[in-house]
Amino acid sequence: MSRRTRIAGASLAIGVLLAVPGCALRSQAEAPDAEAPARNAGLDSIDPCALLTEDELTARGAWPPGYPNRNVPAEPGCDYDGDPFGYSFFKNQQMTVESYGAQDNWAEFDRRELNGRVAANAINASSTGGRICSTMFNAGGGVIIVTVGELNDEGRDECAESWQLAELVEAKTPR
């Protein structure tokens, strides 16, 4: 299997695994008694493919440019191939760290604080063997999600990597 094929497969796996929370969001919104969350324009102008500069990305081993990820309409994102990690950045204006944390699809959901914002490191139950970790933090009335997947299991800490990237992204997003 070529390196490019492995990377494409890892990027696809990240997108599929992140679709699980999005599916839960859609099912909640379709419930007849559920109130639809108010749409906040705070993240409207945020482009997930522009959260970090090319220099910031290449310093982490990513291979710009990124490519849009529209697997979940309420959670537009951007994927980057790279080595040793693949990266994805998402925004969701309908959810928060708190509402993601209330879902039961997490193997781990470590609540934290990022520069005064509610944040969490999370591993989806379906991705425990996939070396994938997401850091999310509240921003602009919604949430920003930074996901890191290790391409080969070489013992790296993908949660530490996603947290470090979230620290870079956080300063560029509305409160």
N, C-alpha and C. Protein backbone atom coordinates (compact mmCIF):
# COMPACT_ATOMS: atom_id res chain seq x y z
N MET A 1 0.86 -1.17 0.00
CA MET A 1 0.00 0.00 0.00
C MET A 1 0.90 1.23 0.00
N SER A 2 0.64 2.16 -0.89
CA SER A 2 1.47 3.35 -0.99
C SER A 2 1.21 4.30 0.17
N ARG A 3 2.18 5.16 0.41
CA ARG A 3 2.06 6.15 1.49
C ARG A 3 0.86 7.05 1.26
N ARG A 4 0.63 7.47 0.03
CA ARG A 4 -0.49 8.36 -0.31
C ARG A 4 -1.82 7.66 -0.02
N THR A 5 -1.91 6.37 -0.32
CA THR A 5 -3.14 5.61 -0.06
C THR A 5 -3.38 5.49 1.43
N ARG A 6 -2.32 5.24 2.21
CA ARG A 6 -2.48 5.16 3.68
C ARG A 6 -2.94 6.49 4.23
N ILE A 7 -2.39 7.58 3.73
CA ILE A 7 -2.76 8.91 4.22
C ILE A 7 -4.21 9.21 3.85
N ALA A 8 -4.59 8.93 2.64
CA ALA A 8 -5.98 9.17 2.23
C ALA A 8 -6.93 8.33 3.07
N GLY A 9 -6.55 7.11 3.36
CA GLY A 9 -7.39 6.24 4.20
C GLY A 9 -7.50 6.78 5.61
N ALA A 10 -6.40 7.28 6.15
CA ALA A 10 -6.44 7.85 7.50
C ALA A 10 -7.30 9.10 7.54
N SER A 11 -7.20 9.95 6.51
CA SER A 11 -8.03 11.16 6.46
C SER A 11 -9.50 10.79 6.37
N LEU A 12 -9.81 9.80 5.57
CA LEU A 12 -11.19 9.35 5.46
C LEU A 12 -11.69 8.82 6.79
N ALA A 13 -10.85 8.06 7.48
CA ALA A 13 -11.25 7.52 8.78
C ALA A 13 -11.54 8.64 9.78
N ILE A 14 -10.73 9.69 9.76
CA ILE A 14 -10.98 10.82 10.66
C ILE A 14 -12.33 11.43 10.35
N GLY A 15 -12.62 11.66 9.07
CA GLY A 15 -13.91 12.25 8.69
C GLY A 15 -15.09 11.38 9.08
N VAL A 16 -14.97 10.09 8.88
CA VAL A 16 -16.05 9.16 9.22
C VAL A 16 -16.28 9.15 10.72
N LEU A 17 -15.20 9.12 11.50
CA LEU A 17 -15.35 9.07 12.95
C LEU A 17 -15.94 10.35 13.50
N LEU A 18 -15.62 11.47 12.89
CA LEU A 18 -16.21 12.72 13.36
C LEU A 18 -17.66 12.85 12.93
N ALA A 19 -18.09 12.09 11.96
CA ALA A 19 -19.49 12.13 11.54
C ALA A 19 -20.41 11.56 12.61
N VAL A 20 -19.91 10.72 13.49
CA VAL A 20 -20.74 10.13 14.54
C VAL A 20 -21.39 11.20 15.40
N PRO A 21 -20.62 12.20 15.95
CA PRO A 21 -21.29 13.24 16.72
C PRO A 21 -22.26 14.02 15.86
N GLY A 22 -21.93 14.27 14.61
CA GLY A 22 -22.82 15.00 13.73
C GLY A 22 -24.13 14.27 13.50
N CYS A 23 -24.07 12.95 13.38
CA CYS A 23 -25.30 12.17 13.23
C CYS A 23 -26.17 12.31 14.46
N ALA A 24 -25.55 12.31 15.63
CA ALA A 24 -26.32 12.49 16.86
C ALA A 24 -26.97 13.86 16.88
N LEU A 25 -26.28 14.87 16.36
CA LEU A 25 -26.84 16.21 16.30
C LEU A 25 -28.07 16.24 15.42
N ARG A 26 -27.98 15.61 14.25
CA ARG A 26 -29.13 15.61 13.34
C ARG A 26 -30.32 14.89 13.96
N SER A 27 -30.08 13.78 14.64
CA SER A 27 -31.19 13.04 15.22
C SER A 27 -31.84 13.85 16.34
N GLN A 28 -31.05 14.63 17.09
CA GLN A 28 -31.62 15.48 18.13
C GLN A 28 -32.48 16.57 17.51
N ALA A 29 -32.00 17.18 16.44
CA ALA A 29 -32.73 18.28 15.82
C ALA A 29 -34.03 17.81 15.18
N GLU A 30 -34.10 16.55 14.78
CA GLU A 30 -35.30 16.05 14.11
C GLU A 30 -36.37 15.58 15.10
N ALA A 31 -36.03 15.48 16.39
CA ALA A 31 -37.02 15.06 17.37
C ALA A 31 -38.13 16.10 17.43
N PRO A 32 -39.41 15.69 17.46
CA PRO A 32 -40.50 16.64 17.36
C PRO A 32 -40.54 17.66 18.49
N ASP A 33 -40.14 17.29 19.70
CA ASP A 33 -40.20 18.20 20.82
C ASP A 33 -38.90 18.96 21.05
N ALA A 34 -37.89 18.70 20.25
CA ALA A 34 -36.59 19.33 20.47
C ALA A 34 -36.62 20.76 19.96
N GLU A 35 -36.05 21.65 20.77
CA GLU A 35 -35.91 23.04 20.33
C GLU A 35 -34.65 23.14 19.50
N ALA A 36 -34.75 23.82 18.36
CA ALA A 36 -33.58 24.03 17.53
C ALA A 36 -32.72 25.11 18.18
N PRO A 37 -31.40 24.88 18.30
CA PRO A 37 -30.55 25.90 18.90
C PRO A 37 -30.54 27.15 18.03
N ALA A 38 -30.43 28.30 18.68
CA ALA A 38 -30.37 29.56 17.94
C ALA A 38 -29.06 29.61 17.16
N ARG A 39 -29.12 30.03 15.93
CA ARG A 39 -27.92 30.12 15.09
C ARG A 39 -27.14 31.37 15.48
N ASN A 40 -25.88 31.21 15.73
CA ASN A 40 -25.01 32.31 16.12
C ASN A 40 -24.07 32.60 14.96
N ALA A 41 -23.93 33.86 14.61
CA ALA A 41 -23.09 34.25 13.48
C ALA A 41 -21.62 34.34 13.84
N GLY A 42 -21.27 34.05 15.10
CA GLY A 42 -19.89 34.20 15.57
C GLY A 42 -18.85 33.43 14.78
N LEU A 43 -19.20 32.27 14.26
CA LEU A 43 -18.24 31.45 13.51
C LEU A 43 -18.48 31.51 12.00
N ASP A 44 -19.46 32.28 11.55
CA ASP A 44 -19.78 32.35 10.12
C ASP A 44 -18.55 32.67 9.26
N SER A 45 -17.75 33.61 9.70
CA SER A 45 -16.62 34.05 8.88
C SER A 45 -15.38 33.17 9.04
N ILE A 46 -15.44 32.17 9.91
CA ILE A 46 -14.28 31.31 10.13
C ILE A 46 -14.22 30.24 9.04
N ASP A 47 -13.09 30.19 8.35
CA ASP A 47 -12.83 29.17 7.33
C ASP A 47 -11.90 28.13 7.96
N PRO A 48 -12.39 26.89 8.16
CA PRO A 48 -11.53 25.87 8.77
C PRO A 48 -10.21 25.64 8.03
N CYS A 49 -10.17 25.96 6.73
CA CYS A 49 -8.94 25.79 5.97
C CYS A 49 -7.99 26.98 6.13
N ALA A 50 -8.40 27.99 6.88
CA ALA A 50 -7.56 29.17 7.08
C ALA A 50 -7.25 29.42 8.56
N LEU A 51 -7.48 28.42 9.40
CA LEU A 51 -7.24 28.61 10.83
C LEU A 51 -5.74 28.72 11.15
N LEU A 52 -4.91 28.04 10.39
CA LEU A 52 -3.47 28.12 10.57
C LEU A 52 -2.81 28.47 9.24
N THR A 53 -1.67 29.11 9.31
CA THR A 53 -0.93 29.46 8.10
C THR A 53 -0.23 28.23 7.54
N GLU A 54 0.20 28.33 6.29
CA GLU A 54 0.95 27.22 5.69
C GLU A 54 2.22 26.94 6.49
N ASP A 55 2.89 28.00 6.96
CA ASP A 55 4.11 27.81 7.75
C ASP A 55 3.81 27.07 9.06
N GLU A 56 2.72 27.44 9.73
CA GLU A 56 2.35 26.76 10.98
C GLU A 56 2.04 25.28 10.72
N LEU A 57 1.37 25.02 9.61
CA LEU A 57 1.01 23.64 9.28
C LEU A 57 2.22 22.81 8.88
N THR A 58 3.06 23.33 8.02
CA THR A 58 4.22 22.55 7.58
C THR A 58 5.19 22.32 8.74
N ALA A 59 5.25 23.23 9.70
CA ALA A 59 6.10 23.03 10.88
C ALA A 59 5.64 21.82 11.69
N ARG A 60 4.36 21.45 11.57
CA ARG A 60 3.81 20.29 12.29
C ARG A 60 3.85 19.02 11.43
N GLY A 61 4.26 19.13 10.19
CA GLY A 61 4.33 17.96 9.32
C GLY A 61 3.14 17.83 8.38
N ALA A 62 2.26 18.84 8.35
CA ALA A 62 1.10 18.80 7.44
C ALA A 62 1.55 19.22 6.04
N TRP A 63 0.77 18.80 5.05
CA TRP A 63 1.07 19.09 3.65
C TRP A 63 -0.03 19.97 3.06
N PRO A 64 0.08 21.31 3.24
CA PRO A 64 -0.92 22.20 2.65
C PRO A 64 -0.90 22.07 1.14
N PRO A 65 -1.97 22.41 0.45
CA PRO A 65 -3.17 23.00 1.03
C PRO A 65 -4.11 21.91 1.59
N GLY A 66 -5.00 22.36 2.45
CA GLY A 66 -6.02 21.45 2.96
C GLY A 66 -7.15 21.31 1.96
N TYR A 67 -8.04 20.39 2.23
CA TYR A 67 -9.19 20.21 1.35
C TYR A 67 -10.45 20.14 2.20
N PRO A 68 -11.51 20.81 1.73
CA PRO A 68 -12.75 20.89 2.51
C PRO A 68 -13.32 19.52 2.85
N ASN A 69 -13.88 19.43 4.04
CA ASN A 69 -14.57 18.23 4.51
C ASN A 69 -16.00 18.64 4.80
N ARG A 70 -16.92 18.16 4.00
CA ARG A 70 -18.33 18.50 4.15
C ARG A 70 -19.17 17.27 4.48
N ASN A 71 -18.56 16.30 5.16
CA ASN A 71 -19.27 15.06 5.49
C ASN A 71 -20.48 15.31 6.38
N VAL A 72 -20.41 16.29 7.27
CA VAL A 72 -21.51 16.63 8.16
C VAL A 72 -21.85 18.10 7.89
N PRO A 73 -23.01 18.39 7.30
CA PRO A 73 -23.34 19.77 6.93
C PRO A 73 -23.22 20.78 8.09
N ALA A 74 -23.59 20.40 9.29
CA ALA A 74 -23.52 21.32 10.43
C ALA A 74 -22.10 21.47 10.97
N GLU A 75 -21.15 20.72 10.38
CA GLU A 75 -19.79 20.69 10.90
C GLU A 75 -18.79 20.80 9.75
N PRO A 76 -18.77 21.95 9.05
CA PRO A 76 -17.82 22.08 7.95
C PRO A 76 -16.39 22.03 8.47
N GLY A 77 -15.52 21.42 7.67
CA GLY A 77 -14.15 21.26 8.12
C GLY A 77 -13.15 21.31 7.01
N CYS A 78 -11.91 21.04 7.38
CA CYS A 78 -10.80 21.03 6.45
C CYS A 78 -9.83 19.95 6.88
N ASP A 79 -9.40 19.11 5.96
CA ASP A 79 -8.48 18.00 6.24
C ASP A 79 -7.12 18.29 5.62
N TYR A 80 -6.08 17.85 6.32
CA TYR A 80 -4.71 17.95 5.84
C TYR A 80 -4.04 16.60 5.98
N ASP A 81 -3.43 16.15 4.91
CA ASP A 81 -2.57 14.98 5.00
C ASP A 81 -1.26 15.45 5.62
N GLY A 82 -0.50 14.52 6.13
CA GLY A 82 0.78 14.87 6.72
C GLY A 82 1.48 13.65 7.26
N ASP A 83 2.63 13.88 7.86
CA ASP A 83 3.39 12.80 8.46
C ASP A 83 4.16 13.38 9.63
N PRO A 84 3.99 12.90 10.82
CA PRO A 84 3.41 11.63 11.22
C PRO A 84 1.91 11.68 11.49
N PHE A 85 1.30 12.88 11.43
CA PHE A 85 -0.12 13.00 11.72
C PHE A 85 -0.88 13.53 10.53
N GLY A 86 -2.17 13.17 10.48
CA GLY A 86 -3.13 13.82 9.61
C GLY A 86 -3.96 14.74 10.50
N TYR A 87 -4.40 15.87 9.97
CA TYR A 87 -5.10 16.88 10.76
C TYR A 87 -6.44 17.22 10.14
N SER A 88 -7.40 17.54 11.01
CA SER A 88 -8.70 18.05 10.56
C SER A 88 -9.12 19.17 11.51
N PHE A 89 -9.73 20.19 10.93
CA PHE A 89 -10.25 21.32 11.69
C PHE A 89 -11.72 21.48 11.34
N PHE A 90 -12.58 21.62 12.35
CA PHE A 90 -14.02 21.76 12.13
C PHE A 90 -14.56 22.90 12.95
N LYS A 91 -15.69 23.43 12.50
CA LYS A 91 -16.46 24.36 13.32
C LYS A 91 -17.89 23.85 13.36
N ASN A 92 -18.58 24.13 14.46
CA ASN A 92 -19.98 23.75 14.57
C ASN A 92 -20.68 24.85 15.36
N GLN A 93 -21.62 25.52 14.74
CA GLN A 93 -22.32 26.63 15.37
C GLN A 93 -23.55 26.17 16.15
N GLN A 94 -23.86 24.89 16.11
CA GLN A 94 -25.05 24.38 16.78
C GLN A 94 -24.73 23.61 18.06
N MET A 95 -23.45 23.37 18.28
CA MET A 95 -23.04 22.58 19.43
C MET A 95 -22.04 23.39 20.26
N THR A 96 -21.76 22.91 21.48
CA THR A 96 -20.73 23.45 22.36
C THR A 96 -19.98 22.27 22.95
N VAL A 97 -18.91 22.55 23.67
CA VAL A 97 -18.19 21.48 24.36
C VAL A 97 -19.15 20.76 25.31
N GLU A 98 -19.98 21.53 25.98
CA GLU A 98 -20.92 20.94 26.93
C GLU A 98 -21.89 19.98 26.24
N SER A 99 -22.44 20.38 25.10
CA SER A 99 -23.41 19.51 24.42
C SER A 99 -22.73 18.28 23.82
N TYR A 100 -21.50 18.43 23.32
CA TYR A 100 -20.77 17.25 22.87
C TYR A 100 -20.50 16.32 24.04
N GLY A 101 -20.13 16.88 25.19
CA GLY A 101 -19.82 16.07 26.36
C GLY A 101 -21.00 15.29 26.88
N ALA A 102 -22.21 15.77 26.62
CA ALA A 102 -23.42 15.08 27.07
C ALA A 102 -23.74 13.85 26.23
N GLN A 103 -23.10 13.71 25.07
CA GLN A 103 -23.34 12.53 24.23
C GLN A 103 -22.65 11.32 24.83
N ASP A 104 -23.16 10.14 24.51
CA ASP A 104 -22.62 8.92 25.10
C ASP A 104 -21.70 8.14 24.17
N ASN A 105 -21.12 8.81 23.20
CA ASN A 105 -20.28 8.12 22.22
C ASN A 105 -18.78 8.26 22.51
N TRP A 106 -18.41 8.68 23.72
CA TRP A 106 -17.01 8.93 24.01
C TRP A 106 -16.37 7.81 24.82
N ALA A 107 -15.20 7.38 24.39
CA ALA A 107 -14.38 6.48 25.21
C ALA A 107 -13.70 7.31 26.29
N GLU A 108 -13.32 8.53 25.92
CA GLU A 108 -12.71 9.47 26.86
C GLU A 108 -13.23 10.86 26.53
N PHE A 109 -13.54 11.63 27.56
CA PHE A 109 -13.93 13.03 27.39
C PHE A 109 -13.36 13.78 28.58
N ASP A 110 -12.18 14.33 28.38
CA ASP A 110 -11.41 15.00 29.44
C ASP A 110 -11.69 16.50 29.38
N ARG A 111 -12.56 16.98 30.27
CA ARG A 111 -12.91 18.41 30.31
C ARG A 111 -11.72 19.21 30.81
N ARG A 112 -11.46 20.33 30.11
CA ARG A 112 -10.31 21.17 30.43
C ARG A 112 -10.68 22.64 30.22
N GLU A 113 -9.69 23.49 30.34
CA GLU A 113 -9.86 24.91 30.05
C GLU A 113 -8.71 25.34 29.15
N LEU A 114 -9.05 26.10 28.13
CA LEU A 114 -8.05 26.60 27.18
C LEU A 114 -8.14 28.11 27.15
N ASN A 115 -7.19 28.77 27.77
CA ASN A 115 -7.15 30.23 27.82
C ASN A 115 -8.50 30.82 28.26
N GLY A 116 -9.06 30.26 29.31
CA GLY A 116 -10.32 30.75 29.85
C GLY A 116 -11.56 30.23 29.16
N ARG A 117 -11.41 29.38 28.17
CA ARG A 117 -12.55 28.81 27.45
C ARG A 117 -12.80 27.38 27.90
N VAL A 118 -14.06 26.98 27.87
CA VAL A 118 -14.40 25.58 28.13
C VAL A 118 -13.82 24.76 26.98
N ALA A 119 -13.15 23.67 27.33
CA ALA A 119 -12.47 22.85 26.32
C ALA A 119 -12.49 21.39 26.77
N ALA A 120 -12.10 20.51 25.86
CA ALA A 120 -12.00 19.08 26.19
C ALA A 120 -11.10 18.39 25.18
N ASN A 121 -10.43 17.35 25.64
CA ASN A 121 -9.79 16.37 24.76
C ASN A 121 -10.73 15.19 24.73
N ALA A 122 -11.00 14.66 23.55
CA ALA A 122 -11.99 13.59 23.44
C ALA A 122 -11.54 12.52 22.45
N ILE A 123 -11.87 11.28 22.82
CA ILE A 123 -11.64 10.15 21.93
C ILE A 123 -12.97 9.45 21.75
N ASN A 124 -13.42 9.36 20.52
CA ASN A 124 -14.68 8.71 20.20
C ASN A 124 -14.54 7.22 20.47
N ALA A 125 -15.59 6.62 21.02
CA ALA A 125 -15.56 5.18 21.34
C ALA A 125 -15.24 4.33 20.12
N SER A 126 -15.66 4.79 18.93
CA SER A 126 -15.41 4.00 17.72
C SER A 126 -13.99 4.16 17.20
N SER A 127 -13.19 5.05 17.81
CA SER A 127 -11.84 5.27 17.28
C SER A 127 -10.74 4.97 18.29
N THR A 128 -11.03 4.19 19.31
CA THR A 128 -10.01 3.93 20.33
C THR A 128 -8.79 3.22 19.76
N GLY A 129 -8.95 2.39 18.77
CA GLY A 129 -7.82 1.71 18.16
C GLY A 129 -7.23 2.48 17.00
N GLY A 130 -7.83 3.60 16.64
CA GLY A 130 -7.42 4.33 15.45
C GLY A 130 -6.42 5.44 15.68
N ARG A 131 -5.98 5.64 16.94
CA ARG A 131 -4.99 6.68 17.25
C ARG A 131 -5.48 8.05 16.80
N ILE A 132 -6.73 8.38 17.15
CA ILE A 132 -7.35 9.64 16.77
C ILE A 132 -7.84 10.35 18.03
N CYS A 133 -7.51 11.62 18.16
CA CYS A 133 -7.95 12.42 19.31
C CYS A 133 -8.40 13.79 18.83
N SER A 134 -9.44 14.32 19.46
CA SER A 134 -9.94 15.65 19.14
C SER A 134 -9.83 16.55 20.35
N THR A 135 -9.43 17.78 20.11
CA THR A 135 -9.51 18.83 21.12
C THR A 135 -10.57 19.79 20.63
N MET A 136 -11.51 20.13 21.51
CA MET A 136 -12.56 21.08 21.14
C MET A 136 -12.61 22.18 22.18
N PHE A 137 -13.01 23.37 21.73
CA PHE A 137 -13.17 24.49 22.65
C PHE A 137 -14.29 25.38 22.16
N ASN A 138 -14.98 26.02 23.11
CA ASN A 138 -16.07 26.92 22.77
C ASN A 138 -15.51 28.18 22.12
N ALA A 139 -16.18 28.62 21.05
CA ALA A 139 -15.76 29.82 20.33
C ALA A 139 -16.95 30.40 19.59
N GLY A 140 -17.14 31.68 19.67
CA GLY A 140 -18.15 32.37 18.87
C GLY A 140 -19.55 31.81 19.00
N GLY A 141 -19.92 31.30 20.15
CA GLY A 141 -21.25 30.72 20.35
C GLY A 141 -21.37 29.28 19.88
N GLY A 142 -20.30 28.71 19.39
CA GLY A 142 -20.29 27.31 18.94
C GLY A 142 -19.04 26.63 19.45
N VAL A 143 -18.46 25.80 18.59
CA VAL A 143 -17.28 25.04 19.00
C VAL A 143 -16.33 24.89 17.80
N ILE A 144 -15.04 24.91 18.11
CA ILE A 144 -13.99 24.58 17.14
C ILE A 144 -13.42 23.23 17.56
N ILE A 145 -13.21 22.35 16.58
CA ILE A 145 -12.69 21.01 16.86
C ILE A 145 -11.41 20.80 16.05
N VAL A 146 -10.36 20.40 16.73
CA VAL A 146 -9.07 20.08 16.10
C VAL A 146 -8.85 18.59 16.30
N THR A 147 -8.76 17.86 15.21
CA THR A 147 -8.60 16.41 15.29
C THR A 147 -7.26 15.99 14.69
N VAL A 148 -6.59 15.09 15.40
CA VAL A 148 -5.29 14.60 14.97
C VAL A 148 -5.34 13.08 14.94
N GLY A 149 -4.87 12.52 13.86
CA GLY A 149 -4.78 11.06 13.73
C GLY A 149 -3.36 10.66 13.38
N GLU A 150 -2.81 9.72 14.15
CA GLU A 150 -1.47 9.23 13.86
C GLU A 150 -1.57 8.18 12.76
N LEU A 151 -0.77 8.35 11.72
CA LEU A 151 -0.86 7.47 10.57
C LEU A 151 -0.34 6.08 10.88
N ASN A 152 0.74 5.98 11.60
CA ASN A 152 1.31 4.69 12.00
C ASN A 152 1.46 4.73 13.51
N ASP A 153 1.15 3.64 14.16
CA ASP A 153 1.24 3.60 15.62
C ASP A 153 2.71 3.55 16.03
N GLU A 154 3.25 4.74 16.26
CA GLU A 154 4.64 4.85 16.70
C GLU A 154 4.71 5.41 18.11
N GLY A 155 3.58 5.36 18.84
CA GLY A 155 3.57 5.75 20.23
C GLY A 155 3.50 7.24 20.49
N ARG A 156 3.20 8.02 19.48
CA ARG A 156 3.08 9.46 19.68
C ARG A 156 1.79 9.77 20.42
N ASP A 157 1.70 10.96 21.00
CA ASP A 157 0.53 11.37 21.76
C ASP A 157 -0.32 12.31 20.90
N GLU A 158 -1.32 11.75 20.24
CA GLU A 158 -2.16 12.57 19.36
C GLU A 158 -3.01 13.57 20.14
N CYS A 159 -3.34 13.27 21.40
CA CYS A 159 -4.10 14.24 22.21
C CYS A 159 -3.23 15.45 22.56
N ALA A 160 -1.97 15.24 22.86
CA ALA A 160 -1.06 16.36 23.13
C ALA A 160 -0.89 17.19 21.86
N GLU A 161 -0.79 16.54 20.72
CA GLU A 161 -0.64 17.25 19.45
C GLU A 161 -1.90 18.06 19.14
N SER A 162 -3.08 17.48 19.32
CA SER A 162 -4.31 18.24 19.03
C SER A 162 -4.45 19.42 20.00
N TRP A 163 -4.04 19.24 21.25
CA TRP A 163 -4.11 20.34 22.23
C TRP A 163 -3.18 21.48 21.81
N GLN A 164 -1.96 21.16 21.37
CA GLN A 164 -1.01 22.18 20.95
C GLN A 164 -1.54 22.95 19.74
N LEU A 165 -2.16 22.25 18.81
CA LEU A 165 -2.74 22.94 17.66
C LEU A 165 -3.93 23.81 18.08
N ALA A 166 -4.74 23.31 19.00
CA ALA A 166 -5.88 24.09 19.49
C ALA A 166 -5.40 25.37 20.16
N GLU A 167 -4.26 25.31 20.84
CA GLU A 167 -3.70 26.53 21.44
C GLU A 167 -3.36 27.55 20.36
N LEU A 168 -2.84 27.11 19.23
CA LEU A 168 -2.53 28.02 18.13
C LEU A 168 -3.80 28.61 17.51
N VAL A 169 -4.81 27.76 17.34
CA VAL A 169 -6.06 28.16 16.70
C VAL A 169 -6.87 29.08 17.61
N GLU A 170 -6.87 28.80 18.89
CA GLU A 170 -7.73 29.52 19.86
C GLU A 170 -7.56 31.03 19.77
N ALA A 171 -6.34 31.51 19.66
CA ALA A 171 -6.07 32.94 19.61
C ALA A 171 -6.67 33.62 18.37
N LYS A 172 -7.03 32.83 17.38
CA LYS A 172 -7.53 33.38 16.11
C LYS A 172 -9.05 33.29 15.98
N THR A 173 -9.73 32.88 17.04
CA THR A 173 -11.18 32.65 16.95
C THR A 173 -11.93 33.57 17.91
N PRO A 174 -13.18 33.92 17.54
CA PRO A 174 -13.95 34.81 18.42
C PRO A 174 -14.32 34.12 19.72
N ARG A 175 -14.50 34.90 20.73
CA ARG A 175 -14.92 34.36 22.03
C ARG A 175 -16.40 34.07 21.97
